[in-house]
Amino acid sequence: MQDFSFTRRGLLAGGAALLAAPALAQTFPDRPIRLVIPFPAGGPTDVYARFYSERMTRELGQPVVTENRGGAGGAIGAMEVARARPDGHTLLFGTASTHALYNLVTRQPQYDAAKDFVAVATLGGGPLCWLAHPGQPATLAAFLTAARGANPPLAYGSPGTGTLMHLATEILKRESGATSLSHIPYRGAAPAMNDLLAGTLALAVNTLGAGLPLHQSGRARMLAVASNARAPQAPDVPTAAEALGRPGFTAVLWHAVFAPPGLPAPVLARLSQATNAALADAAFRTSLAAAGIEPAAPGTPESAAAYIAAEQDRYRPIVEAIRPELEG
């Protein structure tokens, strides 16, 4: 069996990196940076990663080259970065899936999201939204009321069991009392959306960026968006907190940048500084908003690690509550 004991290797590599830290700090980056996207091209993570790479190329003065390494729900690309040399020239464009949910939902995880990576920065991401077929009730509250008494039960579709979309909707079910709403896992978001548009699925959960064109065209109705405030692109759509009457209900498919363990502190500081400059740029934030992405505020590696740990704690109870479904 292949050895994925990254932590020990990371400690050994980290010792060597500390000796080289002054030289690295003076020259970093001295060649192109490889930004690994652990999912296939075309999805929301890929979209944000390419915005980020373009902006970071300008900030760092070296090309930041994206590389899609999809597979195993993001684990293949993540493990590749965890094994890389910790010099800042190989980074991971991670997500809630790879670094909040992976160790919670995976029966035999092959990496430790906390120990086998260094968090550089959280970047924000796409808030989730719930889309209904036009023939369904027009508000989230009305839909959930209908779901409570439906016979046969109404169903919602997600991109797969254990995804953020699945877990967030399970929280929504429990907080609204619509526990009879059943889950249909799909192999990705696109098949679920196809069934929704065809009228064979009552509800689907996706990101705001993916749902906006369908809502704006009238092909589907966005019932709520799980963001802190209404989306400027769809001001008619209430937040999930508004729709449920439960302040603070949010769910974001967030993104973050990670490096291998043992990254020298001066290199980490340079990457953090460049990322903060990108996040503070008005043109960059405007481009993201047009794609349905909510950028994070500038922060620190420490605040990024704390946020990720809090997200793990947030989703741990629902994962334990639906453990039989996850392992079925």
Protein backbone atom coordinates (compact mmCIF):
# COMPACT_ATOMS: atom_id res chain seq x y z
CA MET A 1 0.00 0.00 0.00
CA GLN A 2 1.28 3.46 -0.84
CA ASP A 3 2.55 5.43 2.14
CA PHE A 4 0.77 8.71 2.70
CA SER A 5 2.47 9.60 5.98
CA PHE A 6 2.93 13.20 4.97
CA THR A 7 3.34 14.60 8.44
CA ARG A 8 6.68 12.89 9.13
CA ARG A 9 8.02 13.78 5.70
CA GLY A 10 6.75 17.32 6.20
CA LEU A 11 8.67 17.66 9.45
CA LEU A 12 11.88 16.43 7.85
CA ALA A 13 11.43 18.71 4.88
CA GLY A 14 10.55 21.55 7.21
CA GLY A 15 13.88 21.26 9.01
CA ALA A 16 15.77 21.60 5.76
CA ALA A 17 13.55 24.47 4.68
CA LEU A 18 14.29 26.43 7.84
CA LEU A 19 18.00 26.36 7.04
CA ALA A 20 17.29 27.73 3.58
CA ALA A 21 14.71 30.30 4.71
CA PRO A 22 16.85 33.47 4.41
CA ALA A 23 17.86 32.68 0.84
CA LEU A 24 14.32 31.74 -0.11
CA ALA A 25 12.92 34.93 1.35
CA GLN A 26 15.30 37.04 -0.72
CA THR A 27 14.63 35.28 -4.01
CA PHE A 28 11.05 34.04 -3.78
CA PRO A 29 9.56 33.51 -6.22
CA ASP A 30 12.45 32.79 -8.56
CA ARG A 31 10.48 30.73 -11.09
CA PRO A 32 6.85 30.06 -12.06
CA ILE A 33 4.49 28.94 -9.32
CA ARG A 34 2.35 25.88 -9.90
CA LEU A 35 -1.21 26.25 -8.58
CA VAL A 36 -2.88 22.85 -8.41
CA ILE A 37 -6.67 22.80 -8.81
CA PRO A 38 -7.86 19.47 -7.41
CA PHE A 39 -10.97 19.35 -9.61
CA PRO A 40 -11.65 19.19 -13.36
CA ALA A 41 -11.73 22.31 -15.49
CA GLY A 42 -14.93 24.29 -15.86
CA GLY A 43 -16.36 24.19 -12.34
CA PRO A 44 -16.63 27.03 -9.82
CA THR A 45 -13.28 26.17 -8.22
CA ASP A 46 -11.56 26.28 -11.60
CA VAL A 47 -13.15 29.65 -12.40
CA TYR A 48 -11.97 31.28 -9.17
CA ALA A 49 -8.51 29.69 -9.37
CA ARG A 50 -7.91 31.24 -12.78
CA PHE A 51 -8.96 34.69 -11.57
CA TYR A 52 -6.60 34.26 -8.62
CA SER A 53 -3.67 33.00 -10.70
CA GLU A 54 -3.92 35.95 -13.09
CA ARG A 55 -3.93 38.46 -10.26
CA MET A 56 -1.13 36.72 -8.33
CA THR A 57 1.04 36.68 -11.44
CA ARG A 58 0.94 40.47 -11.34
CA GLU A 59 1.53 40.65 -7.60
CA LEU A 60 4.48 38.22 -7.52
CA GLY A 61 6.19 39.02 -10.81
CA GLN A 62 6.33 35.36 -11.83
CA PRO A 63 3.73 33.29 -13.74
CA VAL A 64 1.26 31.48 -11.51
CA VAL A 65 0.30 28.52 -13.68
CA THR A 66 -2.88 26.56 -12.97
CA GLU A 67 -2.96 22.79 -13.33
CA ASN A 68 -6.11 20.69 -12.96
CA ARG A 69 -5.48 17.45 -11.07
CA GLY A 70 -8.98 16.12 -10.44
CA GLY A 71 -9.98 12.80 -8.96
CA ALA A 72 -11.11 11.17 -5.72
CA GLY A 73 -13.15 14.21 -4.72
CA GLY A 74 -10.09 16.46 -4.77
CA ALA A 75 -7.82 14.09 -2.83
CA ILE A 76 -5.43 13.32 -5.71
CA GLY A 77 -4.46 16.93 -6.29
CA ALA A 78 -4.34 17.65 -2.57
CA MET A 79 -1.99 14.74 -1.86
CA GLU A 80 0.29 15.79 -4.71
CA VAL A 81 0.76 19.22 -3.13
CA ALA A 82 1.21 17.75 0.36
CA ARG A 83 4.18 15.76 -0.97
CA ALA A 84 5.73 18.71 -2.85
CA ARG A 85 8.86 20.59 -1.84
CA PRO A 86 7.86 23.30 0.69
CA ASP A 87 9.40 26.26 -1.08
CA GLY A 88 6.23 28.14 -2.10
CA HIS A 89 6.42 27.19 -5.77
CA THR A 90 3.72 24.51 -5.49
CA LEU A 91 0.37 25.56 -4.03
CA LEU A 92 -3.08 24.04 -3.73
CA PHE A 93 -6.31 25.85 -4.53
CA GLY A 94 -8.30 23.99 -1.92
CA THR A 95 -11.96 24.14 -1.00
CA ALA A 96 -14.42 23.38 1.77
CA SER A 97 -14.57 19.88 0.30
CA THR A 98 -10.84 19.19 0.51
CA HIS A 99 -10.14 20.89 3.83
CA ALA A 100 -13.30 21.05 5.95
CA LEU A 101 -15.27 17.99 4.86
CA TYR A 102 -12.72 15.48 3.61
CA ASN A 103 -11.63 14.14 7.00
CA LEU A 104 -15.22 14.22 8.25
CA VAL A 105 -16.89 12.23 5.47
CA THR A 106 -14.11 9.96 4.18
CA ARG A 107 -14.00 6.52 5.75
CA GLN A 108 -10.25 6.03 5.19
CA PRO A 109 -8.75 9.47 4.58
CA GLN A 110 -5.35 9.55 2.92
CA TYR A 111 -4.29 12.91 4.33
CA ASP A 112 -4.92 15.08 7.36
CA ALA A 113 -6.26 18.42 6.16
CA ALA A 114 -4.94 20.25 9.22
CA LYS A 115 -1.51 18.64 9.68
CA ASP A 116 -0.42 17.99 6.10
CA PHE A 117 -0.84 21.56 4.80
CA VAL A 118 -0.10 25.15 5.71
CA ALA A 119 -3.03 27.51 5.20
CA VAL A 120 -1.97 30.62 3.29
CA ALA A 121 -5.29 32.45 3.00
CA THR A 122 -9.03 32.00 2.71
CA LEU A 123 -10.45 33.56 -0.43
CA GLY A 124 -14.22 33.40 -0.11
CA GLY A 125 -16.27 31.59 -2.72
CA GLY A 126 -19.69 30.85 -4.08
CA PRO A 127 -22.67 30.93 -1.71
CA LEU A 128 -25.07 28.06 -2.19
CA CYS A 129 -28.55 28.56 -3.55
CA TRP A 130 -31.67 26.42 -3.81
CA LEU A 131 -33.43 26.24 -7.17
CA ALA A 132 -36.93 24.91 -7.74
CA HIS A 133 -38.73 23.93 -10.91
CA PRO A 134 -41.16 26.74 -11.90
CA GLY A 135 -44.07 24.41 -11.12
CA GLN A 136 -43.10 24.25 -7.44
CA PRO A 137 -44.06 26.77 -4.70
CA ALA A 138 -42.58 30.22 -5.22
CA THR A 139 -40.82 30.67 -1.86
CA LEU A 140 -38.52 28.52 0.21
CA ALA A 141 -40.89 28.60 3.18
CA ALA A 142 -43.81 27.47 1.00
CA PHE A 143 -41.73 24.75 -0.61
CA LEU A 144 -40.62 23.37 2.75
CA THR A 145 -44.20 23.45 4.02
CA ALA A 146 -45.28 21.48 0.95
CA ALA A 147 -42.41 19.05 1.47
CA ARG A 148 -43.55 18.30 5.01
CA GLY A 149 -46.88 16.98 3.78
CA ALA A 150 -45.97 15.59 0.37
CA ASN A 151 -46.91 12.04 -0.53
CA PRO A 152 -44.86 10.70 -2.21
CA PRO A 153 -42.04 12.71 -0.62
CA LEU A 154 -40.48 15.55 -2.57
CA ALA A 155 -36.80 15.17 -3.39
CA TYR A 156 -33.84 17.45 -3.81
CA GLY A 157 -30.73 16.76 -5.86
CA SER A 158 -27.12 17.47 -4.94
CA PRO A 159 -23.79 16.90 -6.71
CA GLY A 160 -23.18 13.91 -4.46
CA THR A 161 -23.34 12.40 -0.99
CA GLY A 162 -21.10 14.18 1.47
CA THR A 163 -20.73 17.34 -0.60
CA LEU A 164 -21.20 20.76 0.95
CA MET A 165 -24.46 21.08 -1.02
CA HIS A 166 -25.76 17.86 0.51
CA LEU A 167 -24.75 18.71 4.08
CA ALA A 168 -26.04 22.29 3.96
CA THR A 169 -29.42 21.09 2.71
CA GLU A 170 -29.60 18.48 5.44
CA ILE A 171 -29.05 21.27 7.98
CA LEU A 172 -31.78 23.29 6.25
CA LYS A 173 -34.17 20.31 6.44
CA ARG A 174 -33.65 19.87 10.15
CA GLU A 175 -33.87 23.57 10.99
CA SER A 176 -37.12 23.91 9.04
CA GLY A 177 -38.70 20.62 10.13
CA ALA A 178 -38.96 19.37 6.53
CA THR A 179 -37.22 16.11 7.36
CA SER A 180 -39.29 14.12 4.86
CA LEU A 181 -37.56 15.91 1.96
CA SER A 182 -35.46 13.12 0.46
CA HIS A 183 -31.98 13.32 -1.04
CA ILE A 184 -30.98 12.16 -4.51
CA PRO A 185 -27.21 12.21 -5.01
CA TYR A 186 -25.99 12.83 -8.56
CA ARG A 187 -22.58 12.47 -10.14
CA GLY A 188 -22.00 16.20 -10.27
CA ALA A 189 -24.17 19.30 -10.40
CA ALA A 190 -25.00 19.23 -14.12
CA PRO A 191 -27.10 16.02 -14.09
CA ALA A 192 -29.13 17.32 -11.15
CA MET A 193 -29.80 20.59 -12.94
CA ASN A 194 -30.88 18.71 -16.08
CA ASP A 195 -33.48 16.76 -14.10
CA LEU A 196 -34.65 19.94 -12.38
CA LEU A 197 -35.20 21.67 -15.72
CA ALA A 198 -36.98 18.59 -17.04
CA GLY A 199 -39.40 18.68 -14.11
CA THR A 200 -38.42 15.28 -12.74
CA LEU A 201 -36.73 16.85 -9.69
CA ALA A 202 -38.42 19.35 -7.39
CA LEU A 203 -35.39 21.10 -5.94
CA ALA A 204 -31.66 21.29 -6.59
CA VAL A 205 -28.81 22.93 -4.70
CA ASN A 206 -25.93 24.60 -6.49
CA THR A 207 -23.68 27.64 -6.26
CA LEU A 208 -24.97 31.14 -6.91
CA GLY A 209 -22.83 31.50 -10.03
CA ALA A 210 -24.26 28.36 -11.58
CA GLY A 211 -27.83 29.14 -10.57
CA LEU A 212 -28.02 32.76 -11.70
CA PRO A 213 -28.42 32.13 -15.47
CA LEU A 214 -31.26 29.68 -14.85
CA HIS A 215 -33.04 32.06 -12.48
CA GLN A 216 -32.58 35.08 -14.72
CA SER A 217 -33.93 33.17 -17.73
CA GLY A 218 -36.94 31.86 -15.80
CA ARG A 219 -36.02 28.23 -16.46
CA ALA A 220 -35.75 27.68 -12.71
CA ARG A 221 -36.69 29.74 -9.67
CA MET A 222 -34.04 30.57 -7.08
CA LEU A 223 -35.76 30.30 -3.72
CA ALA A 224 -32.91 31.47 -1.50
CA VAL A 225 -29.20 32.16 -1.46
CA ALA A 226 -27.11 31.16 1.55
CA SER A 227 -25.08 34.38 1.80
CA ASN A 228 -24.90 37.10 4.44
CA ALA A 229 -26.76 39.57 2.22
CA ARG A 230 -28.88 39.42 -0.91
CA ALA A 231 -26.85 38.96 -4.09
CA PRO A 232 -26.62 42.16 -6.16
CA GLN A 233 -27.17 40.04 -9.29
CA ALA A 234 -30.50 38.74 -7.92
CA PRO A 235 -31.87 41.28 -5.42
CA ASP A 236 -35.31 39.65 -5.64
CA VAL A 237 -34.00 36.46 -4.03
CA PRO A 238 -34.01 36.40 -0.21
CA THR A 239 -31.14 35.03 1.80
CA ALA A 240 -31.69 31.66 3.43
CA ALA A 241 -31.65 33.43 6.80
CA GLU A 242 -34.51 35.68 5.65
CA ALA A 243 -36.46 32.83 4.11
CA LEU A 244 -36.14 30.62 7.18
CA GLY A 245 -36.32 33.38 9.79
CA ARG A 246 -33.05 32.05 11.22
CA PRO A 247 -30.34 34.73 11.39
CA GLY A 248 -26.83 33.58 10.53
CA PHE A 249 -27.74 30.70 8.24
CA THR A 250 -25.04 30.74 5.56
CA ALA A 251 -23.33 28.12 3.41
CA VAL A 252 -20.45 28.97 1.10
CA LEU A 253 -18.40 26.72 -1.14
CA TRP A 254 -15.30 28.56 -0.01
CA HIS A 255 -11.81 28.38 -1.42
CA ALA A 256 -8.43 28.71 0.23
CA VAL A 257 -4.77 28.48 -0.75
CA PHE A 258 -2.51 25.91 0.89
CA ALA A 259 1.17 25.03 0.78
CA PRO A 260 3.06 21.88 1.82
CA PRO A 261 4.10 21.59 5.48
CA GLY A 262 7.42 23.16 6.35
CA LEU A 263 6.93 26.32 4.29
CA PRO A 264 9.41 28.94 5.57
CA ALA A 265 7.75 31.82 7.40
CA PRO A 266 9.13 34.55 5.11
CA VAL A 267 7.72 32.78 2.04
CA LEU A 268 4.38 32.30 3.76
CA ALA A 269 4.34 36.00 4.62
CA ARG A 270 5.07 36.95 0.99
CA LEU A 271 2.26 34.76 -0.33
CA SER A 272 -0.14 36.15 2.28
CA GLN A 273 0.83 39.72 1.43
CA ALA A 274 0.30 39.16 -2.29
CA THR A 275 -3.05 37.47 -1.71
CA ASN A 276 -4.23 40.32 0.52
CA ALA A 277 -3.27 42.82 -2.16
CA ALA A 278 -5.37 40.86 -4.65
CA LEU A 279 -8.35 40.63 -2.31
CA ALA A 280 -8.22 44.38 -1.64
CA ASP A 281 -8.24 45.27 -5.33
CA ALA A 282 -11.60 46.69 -6.42
CA ALA A 283 -11.32 45.46 -10.02
CA PHE A 284 -10.52 41.93 -8.84
CA ARG A 285 -13.51 41.91 -6.49
CA THR A 286 -15.80 43.24 -9.23
CA SER A 287 -14.71 40.45 -11.59
CA LEU A 288 -15.42 37.85 -8.93
CA ALA A 289 -18.84 39.30 -8.10
CA ALA A 290 -19.83 39.10 -11.77
CA ALA A 291 -19.11 35.36 -11.60
CA GLY A 292 -21.23 34.91 -8.46
CA ILE A 293 -18.20 34.71 -6.16
CA GLU A 294 -18.02 36.52 -2.82
CA PRO A 295 -14.35 37.35 -2.09
CA ALA A 296 -13.11 37.17 1.47
CA ALA A 297 -11.66 40.13 3.29
CA PRO A 298 -7.86 40.25 3.55
CA GLY A 299 -6.60 38.17 6.46
CA THR A 300 -3.66 36.23 7.87
CA PRO A 301 -2.56 32.59 7.69
CA GLU A 302 -3.61 32.28 11.33
CA SER A 303 -7.12 33.60 10.64
CA ALA A 304 -7.37 31.25 7.65
CA ALA A 305 -6.50 28.22 9.77
CA ALA A 306 -8.99 29.30 12.44
CA TYR A 307 -11.78 29.74 9.89
CA ILE A 308 -11.18 26.30 8.40
CA ALA A 309 -11.18 24.67 11.84
CA ALA A 310 -14.47 26.44 12.65
CA GLU A 311 -16.01 25.15 9.42
CA GLN A 312 -15.01 21.60 10.34
CA ASP A 313 -16.65 22.05 13.74
CA ARG A 314 -19.76 23.48 12.10
CA TYR A 315 -20.37 20.53 9.81
CA ARG A 316 -19.26 17.76 12.17
CA PRO A 317 -22.69 17.38 13.88
CA ILE A 318 -24.62 16.95 10.64
CA VAL A 319 -22.03 14.49 9.34
CA GLU A 320 -22.45 12.37 12.46
CA ALA A 321 -26.25 12.63 12.21
CA ILE A 322 -26.29 11.22 8.66
CA ARG A 323 -23.34 8.83 9.05
CA PRO A 324 -25.37 5.78 7.90
CA GLU A 325 -26.19 7.52 4.62
CA LEU A 326 -22.56 8.49 4.10
CA GLU A 327 -21.34 4.96 4.67
CA GLY A 328 -24.23 3.18 2.97
